[in-house]
Protein backbone atom coordinates (compact mmCIF):
# COMPACT_ATOMS: atom_id res chain seq x y z
CA MET A 1 12.19 7.94 17.84
CA PRO A 2 11.96 7.71 14.13
CA LEU A 3 9.53 6.02 12.15
CA ARG A 4 10.37 3.15 10.20
CA ILE A 5 8.51 1.92 7.06
CA HIS A 6 9.86 -2.00 5.45
CA PHE A 7 9.13 -2.00 2.02
CA LEU A 8 9.57 -5.87 1.97
CA ASN A 9 10.98 -8.10 -0.70
CA VAL A 10 8.06 -9.86 -1.75
CA GLY A 11 8.52 -10.08 -5.81
CA ALA A 12 6.25 -8.43 -8.16
CA GLY A 13 3.87 -7.88 -5.31
CA ASP A 14 3.54 -5.75 -2.24
CA SER A 15 3.54 -5.91 1.62
CA THR A 16 4.64 -2.77 3.29
CA ILE A 17 5.17 -2.49 7.31
CA VAL A 18 5.20 0.95 9.02
CA ASP A 19 6.09 1.28 12.58
CA PHE A 20 4.91 4.18 14.24
CA PRO A 21 7.14 4.99 17.42
CA ALA A 22 5.20 6.59 20.58
CA ARG A 23 5.45 10.20 20.40
CA THR A 24 3.72 13.77 21.19
CA LYS A 25 2.56 16.24 18.83
CA GLY A 26 2.00 19.38 20.92
CA VAL A 27 -0.05 18.37 23.91
CA GLU A 28 -1.18 15.01 22.61
CA SER A 29 0.71 11.76 23.01
CA PHE A 30 0.20 8.83 20.87
CA ASN A 31 1.20 5.17 21.40
CA ALA A 32 3.57 3.14 19.40
CA ARG A 33 1.58 1.17 16.73
CA ILE A 34 2.03 -0.97 13.51
CA MET A 35 0.39 -0.68 10.24
CA MET A 36 0.82 -3.39 7.35
CA ILE A 37 -0.14 -2.44 3.85
CA ASP A 38 -0.83 -5.35 1.78
CA ILE A 39 0.99 -8.60 2.17
CA ASN A 40 2.49 -11.16 -0.47
CA SER A 41 3.94 -14.03 1.25
CA CYS A 42 5.65 -16.25 -1.17
CA PRO A 43 8.77 -17.84 0.57
CA ASP A 44 8.81 -20.88 -1.26
CA ASN A 45 9.61 -18.69 -4.31
CA GLY A 46 12.66 -17.30 -2.32
CA TYR A 47 11.26 -14.39 -1.27
CA THR A 48 10.61 -12.82 2.24
CA ASP A 49 8.19 -14.70 4.48
CA VAL A 50 6.27 -11.77 5.74
CA ILE A 51 4.78 -12.96 8.72
CA GLU A 52 8.47 -14.62 9.79
CA TYR A 53 9.80 -11.25 9.22
CA PHE A 54 6.90 -9.65 11.28
CA LYS A 55 7.57 -12.06 14.17
CA ALA A 56 11.42 -11.43 13.87
CA LYS A 57 11.12 -7.69 13.69
CA PHE A 58 8.13 -7.03 15.94
CA SER A 59 7.92 -9.25 18.79
CA GLN A 60 4.99 -9.31 20.72
CA LYS A 61 3.52 -6.44 19.04
CA SER A 62 0.06 -6.59 17.38
CA ILE A 63 -1.15 -5.27 13.96
CA PHE A 64 -3.00 -2.07 14.92
CA ARG A 65 -4.35 -1.49 11.28
CA PHE A 66 -3.94 -3.79 7.94
CA VAL A 67 -4.52 -1.75 4.89
CA CYS A 68 -5.93 -4.02 2.01
CA THR A 69 -5.48 -1.87 -1.16
CA HIS A 70 -7.15 -4.04 -2.97
CA PRO A 71 -8.00 -7.84 -3.21
CA HIS A 72 -5.55 -8.99 -6.14
CA LYS A 73 -3.67 -12.21 -5.58
CA ASP A 74 -0.29 -10.37 -5.23
CA HIS A 75 -1.64 -8.30 -2.49
CA ILE A 76 -3.36 -10.60 -0.31
CA THR A 77 -1.67 -13.78 -0.49
CA GLY A 78 -0.74 -15.24 2.88
CA ILE A 79 -3.65 -13.38 4.38
CA ASN A 80 -5.30 -16.75 5.59
CA GLU A 81 -2.04 -17.86 7.67
CA LEU A 82 -1.83 -14.16 8.87
CA PHE A 83 -5.30 -14.23 10.71
CA ASN A 84 -5.79 -17.67 11.13
CA LYS A 85 -2.26 -19.35 12.09
CA SER A 86 0.19 -16.69 12.99
CA GLY A 87 -1.09 -15.82 16.55
CA ILE A 88 -0.65 -12.28 15.35
CA SER A 89 -3.73 -10.04 16.60
CA ILE A 90 -5.22 -7.60 14.02
CA ASN A 91 -7.58 -5.02 15.39
CA ASN A 92 -8.59 -2.93 12.40
CA PHE A 93 -8.90 -3.75 8.68
CA TRP A 94 -9.16 -1.10 5.96
CA ASP A 95 -10.80 -2.11 2.58
CA VAL A 96 -11.98 -0.58 -1.00
CA LYS A 97 -15.73 -1.38 -1.08
CA ASN A 98 -15.45 -3.82 -4.64
CA GLU A 99 -17.71 -6.33 -6.06
CA PHE A 100 -14.61 -8.32 -7.48
CA TYR A 101 -14.05 -12.00 -7.13
CA PRO A 102 -11.31 -14.10 -9.26
CA GLU A 103 -12.67 -16.54 -11.46
CA ASP A 104 -9.70 -18.85 -11.22
CA TRP A 105 -8.88 -18.90 -7.48
CA GLU A 106 -9.99 -22.32 -6.79
CA ASN A 107 -6.91 -23.80 -8.99
CA ASP A 108 -4.86 -21.57 -7.17
CA PRO A 109 -2.47 -23.19 -4.27
CA SER A 110 -4.04 -20.77 -1.78
CA PRO A 111 -7.89 -20.45 -2.35
CA GLU A 112 -7.71 -20.46 1.45
CA ASP A 113 -6.43 -16.72 0.80
CA TRP A 114 -9.53 -15.60 -1.02
CA GLU A 115 -11.93 -17.12 1.27
CA MET A 116 -10.60 -15.48 4.39
CA TYR A 117 -10.67 -12.00 2.55
CA GLU A 118 -14.31 -12.59 1.87
CA LYS A 119 -14.73 -13.69 5.16
CA ILE A 120 -12.92 -10.13 6.72
CA LYS A 121 -14.97 -8.55 4.03
CA ASN A 122 -18.18 -9.76 5.19
CA GLY A 123 -17.63 -8.92 9.08
CA LYS A 124 -17.10 -12.71 9.82
CA ILE A 125 -14.16 -12.31 11.75
CA SER A 126 -14.65 -11.48 15.67
CA GLY A 127 -13.15 -8.71 17.14
CA LEU A 128 -12.11 -6.89 13.91
CA THR A 129 -13.19 -3.71 12.63
CA VAL A 130 -13.75 -3.39 9.09
CA ARG A 131 -13.72 0.15 7.27
CA ASN A 132 -14.57 0.98 3.61
CA TYR A 133 -13.26 4.49 3.47
CA THR A 134 -12.75 6.75 0.45
CA SER A 135 -11.18 9.97 -0.43
CA GLU A 136 -14.05 11.77 0.69
CA THR A 137 -14.37 10.07 4.30
CA ASN A 138 -11.11 10.39 5.60
CA PRO A 139 -10.87 9.32 9.38
CA VAL A 140 -9.93 12.32 11.07
CA GLN A 141 -8.66 10.55 14.04
CA CYS A 142 -6.03 8.63 11.83
CA TRP A 143 -5.17 11.74 10.35
CA ASN A 144 -4.32 13.39 13.66
CA GLU A 145 -3.11 10.68 15.06
CA ASP A 146 -0.56 8.65 12.20
CA GLU A 147 -1.13 11.84 9.94
CA ILE A 148 -2.41 9.49 6.87
CA GLN A 149 -4.86 10.97 4.14
CA ILE A 150 -6.69 8.88 1.65
CA LEU A 151 -5.58 10.27 -1.97
CA SER A 152 -8.15 7.37 -3.92
CA PRO A 153 -10.41 6.02 -4.55
CA SER A 154 -13.54 8.31 -4.50
CA SER A 155 -17.19 7.05 -4.24
CA GLU A 156 -17.30 8.40 -7.81
CA LEU A 157 -14.06 6.45 -9.27
CA ILE A 158 -15.72 3.30 -7.47
CA THR A 159 -18.78 3.75 -9.11
CA TYR A 160 -16.80 3.86 -12.57
CA ALA A 161 -14.92 0.87 -11.81
CA HIS A 162 -17.93 -0.95 -11.66
CA THR A 163 -19.99 0.11 -14.80
CA LYS A 164 -19.74 -0.84 -18.33
CA GLN A 165 -19.52 1.94 -21.35
CA ASP A 166 -23.38 0.59 -21.76
CA GLY A 167 -24.13 1.43 -18.31
CA THR A 168 -24.65 -1.90 -17.14
CA LYS A 169 -22.74 -3.10 -13.96
CA ARG A 170 -19.37 -4.62 -13.96
CA SER A 171 -18.38 -7.60 -11.36
CA GLY A 172 -16.01 -10.06 -11.09
CA GLU A 173 -12.89 -9.70 -12.85
CA ALA A 174 -14.67 -7.20 -15.14
CA VAL A 175 -14.46 -4.56 -12.16
CA CYS A 176 -11.53 -2.40 -12.78
CA LEU A 177 -10.08 -3.02 -9.57
CA ASN A 178 -6.53 -1.26 -10.07
CA GLU A 179 -8.44 1.78 -10.59
CA ILE A 180 -9.99 1.88 -6.88
CA SER A 181 -6.99 0.57 -5.39
CA SER A 182 -6.30 2.74 -1.88
CA VAL A 183 -3.90 5.79 -2.58
CA LEU A 184 -2.17 6.75 0.73
CA LEU A 185 -0.58 9.91 1.70
CA MET A 186 1.23 9.81 4.93
CA LYS A 187 3.23 12.68 6.73
CA VAL A 188 6.06 12.73 8.83
CA ASN A 189 6.78 16.04 10.00
CA ALA A 190 7.06 17.80 6.40
CA ARG A 191 7.81 14.88 4.49
CA LYS A 192 5.41 13.17 2.56
CA ILE A 193 5.30 9.60 1.37
CA VAL A 194 2.81 8.46 -1.11
CA PHE A 195 1.76 4.94 -1.17
CA ALA A 196 0.54 4.18 -4.70
CA ALA A 197 -0.77 0.92 -4.73
CA ASP A 198 -1.83 -0.11 -8.37
CA ALA A 199 -3.02 3.08 -9.28
CA GLU A 200 -3.73 3.70 -13.01
CA GLY A 201 -4.88 6.42 -15.17
CA LYS A 202 -8.63 7.34 -14.32
CA ALA A 203 -7.11 7.38 -10.46
CA TRP A 204 -4.25 9.41 -11.22
CA GLU A 205 -6.53 11.73 -13.32
CA GLU A 206 -8.44 12.15 -10.48
CA ILE A 207 -5.74 12.79 -7.96
CA ILE A 208 -4.17 15.32 -10.10
CA SER A 209 -7.54 17.13 -10.36
CA LYS A 210 -8.73 16.94 -6.63
CA LYS A 211 -5.43 16.58 -4.69
CA ARG A 212 -2.88 18.31 -6.48
CA LYS A 213 -1.77 20.33 -3.84
CA GLU A 214 -1.19 17.40 -1.33
CA ILE A 215 0.75 15.79 -3.52
CA GLU A 216 3.43 18.06 -4.28
CA ASN A 217 7.08 17.61 -3.50
CA VAL A 218 6.68 14.07 -2.22
CA HIS A 219 9.91 12.55 -0.06
CA ILE A 220 9.03 8.94 -1.01
CA LEU A 221 7.06 7.61 -3.65
CA LYS A 222 5.92 3.65 -3.52
CA ALA A 223 5.63 3.34 -7.48
CA SER A 224 2.13 2.33 -8.53
CA HIS A 225 2.21 -1.27 -9.88
CA HIS A 226 5.41 -2.36 -8.92
CA GLY A 227 6.86 0.15 -10.95
CA ARG A 228 5.17 -1.14 -14.11
CA GLU A 229 4.35 1.42 -17.24
CA SER A 230 0.81 0.61 -16.22
CA GLY A 231 0.70 2.61 -12.92
CA PHE A 232 3.02 5.63 -14.43
CA ASN A 233 1.42 8.71 -14.86
CA GLU A 234 3.99 11.37 -16.09
CA GLU A 235 2.11 14.88 -14.74
CA ALA A 236 1.44 13.28 -11.58
CA VAL A 237 5.52 12.12 -11.04
CA LYS A 238 6.13 15.81 -12.18
CA ILE A 239 3.99 17.15 -9.45
CA MET A 240 5.17 14.60 -6.82
CA ASN A 241 9.01 15.43 -7.65
CA PRO A 242 9.79 12.45 -5.21
CA GLU A 243 13.14 12.28 -3.71
CA TYR A 244 13.06 8.75 -3.41
CA ILE A 245 11.45 6.36 -5.99
CA LEU A 246 10.54 2.67 -4.64
CA PHE A 247 10.06 -0.13 -6.75
CA SER A 248 8.41 -3.06 -5.08
CA ASN A 249 9.11 -5.86 -7.91
CA SER A 250 10.70 -9.05 -8.85
CA THR A 251 13.63 -9.44 -11.30
CA ASP A 252 11.41 -10.69 -14.17
CA ALA A 253 8.89 -8.09 -13.69
CA ASP A 254 11.48 -5.23 -13.85
CA LYS A 255 13.06 -6.61 -17.08
CA ASN A 256 10.06 -6.83 -18.91
CA HIS A 257 7.62 -4.44 -17.50
CA GLY A 258 9.45 -1.77 -15.32
CA ALA A 259 9.27 1.94 -16.48
CA GLU A 260 12.59 3.06 -14.93
CA LYS A 261 13.30 5.40 -17.63
CA LEU A 262 10.09 6.86 -17.78
CA TYR A 263 10.23 7.92 -14.06
CA LYS A 264 13.65 9.29 -14.69
CA LYS A 265 12.54 11.33 -17.11
CA ALA A 266 9.60 12.90 -15.04
CA ALA A 267 11.86 13.23 -12.14
CA PRO A 268 15.40 13.11 -12.88
CA LYS A 269 16.91 14.09 -9.64
CA ALA A 270 14.83 10.96 -7.94
CA GLN A 271 16.71 8.04 -6.52
CA ILE A 272 15.24 4.70 -7.55
CA LEU A 273 15.31 1.92 -5.13
CA LYS A 274 14.33 -1.50 -5.96
CA THR A 275 13.60 -4.41 -3.77
CA SER A 276 14.47 -6.91 -6.68
CA ILE A 277 17.94 -5.34 -5.92
CA TYR A 278 18.38 -4.43 -2.57
CA GLY A 279 16.18 -6.95 -0.81
CA ASN A 280 13.67 -5.83 2.36
CA LEU A 281 14.48 -1.99 2.46
CA ILE A 282 13.78 0.31 5.62
CA ALA A 283 13.44 3.97 5.93
CA GLU A 284 14.21 5.55 8.93
CA ILE A 285 12.64 8.71 8.87
CA SER A 286 12.95 10.98 11.84
CA TYR A 287 10.36 13.48 13.16
CA SER A 288 12.82 16.00 13.11
CA ALA A 289 12.94 17.77 9.42
CA THR A 290 16.78 18.36 10.11
CA ILE A 291 18.17 14.51 10.41
CA ALA A 292 17.95 13.10 6.97
CA THR A 293 16.29 9.72 6.13
CA LYS A 294 18.36 6.57 6.55
CA TRP A 295 17.92 3.59 4.49
CA THR A 296 19.21 0.34 5.50
CA ASN A 297 18.58 -3.19 3.59
CA ASP A 298 18.41 -7.07 4.94
């Protein structure tokens, strides 16, 4: 069975579902499982209802691992419904250690999403295992079973994001949250997939310095910050040399902030795919290196 990655059409936000099939690797056997990376469920704006999509595609399946790359609004909208109202069980929650809090969330239509995130972060959800991993503390079991590696952030980068130039502490919206969003590398046989979250300058500099070999010759790059120029790093893209670059973006964001020309210059052979054009995109990746990746959309 192939592995399937569902890149959902959620506008200028992120929500990705990875469907790991049951499989064997050598003498080891691994169960099927689901990983969801972020949620930005805004069906009232004409985008995909993430929870309804999950229920339609993955009937009776729980989420083994939810990865919150960072708690900006466009990465956690709908998290209250997912955890509190959907009936979907979630076993594990990966979070990035942070002291960020939004100053204007009370005026937002969904303040309950932030309240739910804080409950999760503070370990107040019964039966949910919460982890704060960094690039230095990669979970060996997950690396072996699902071949996931955390490229960023490091503990050093987390300290940087919480420290002002004068050495005093940052908190709230002053925290450089994009810089410490979780960047994941996943392998499917020899194929590499990078989920770049909203990584920006310092994050990419550190990845290039410490993880250069790991990011060479990537199969799929989910572009940082929805394909915006703020998440683009020319050197990193050249090293990754991706076959496919995926933008999780809205039509307006693509027109106003898209860095497509920069990506094409750095990786001229790459095919760029945008959720704003194709809708929900599904990559079907075989564990056999001889079978090409199949793309579909719905």
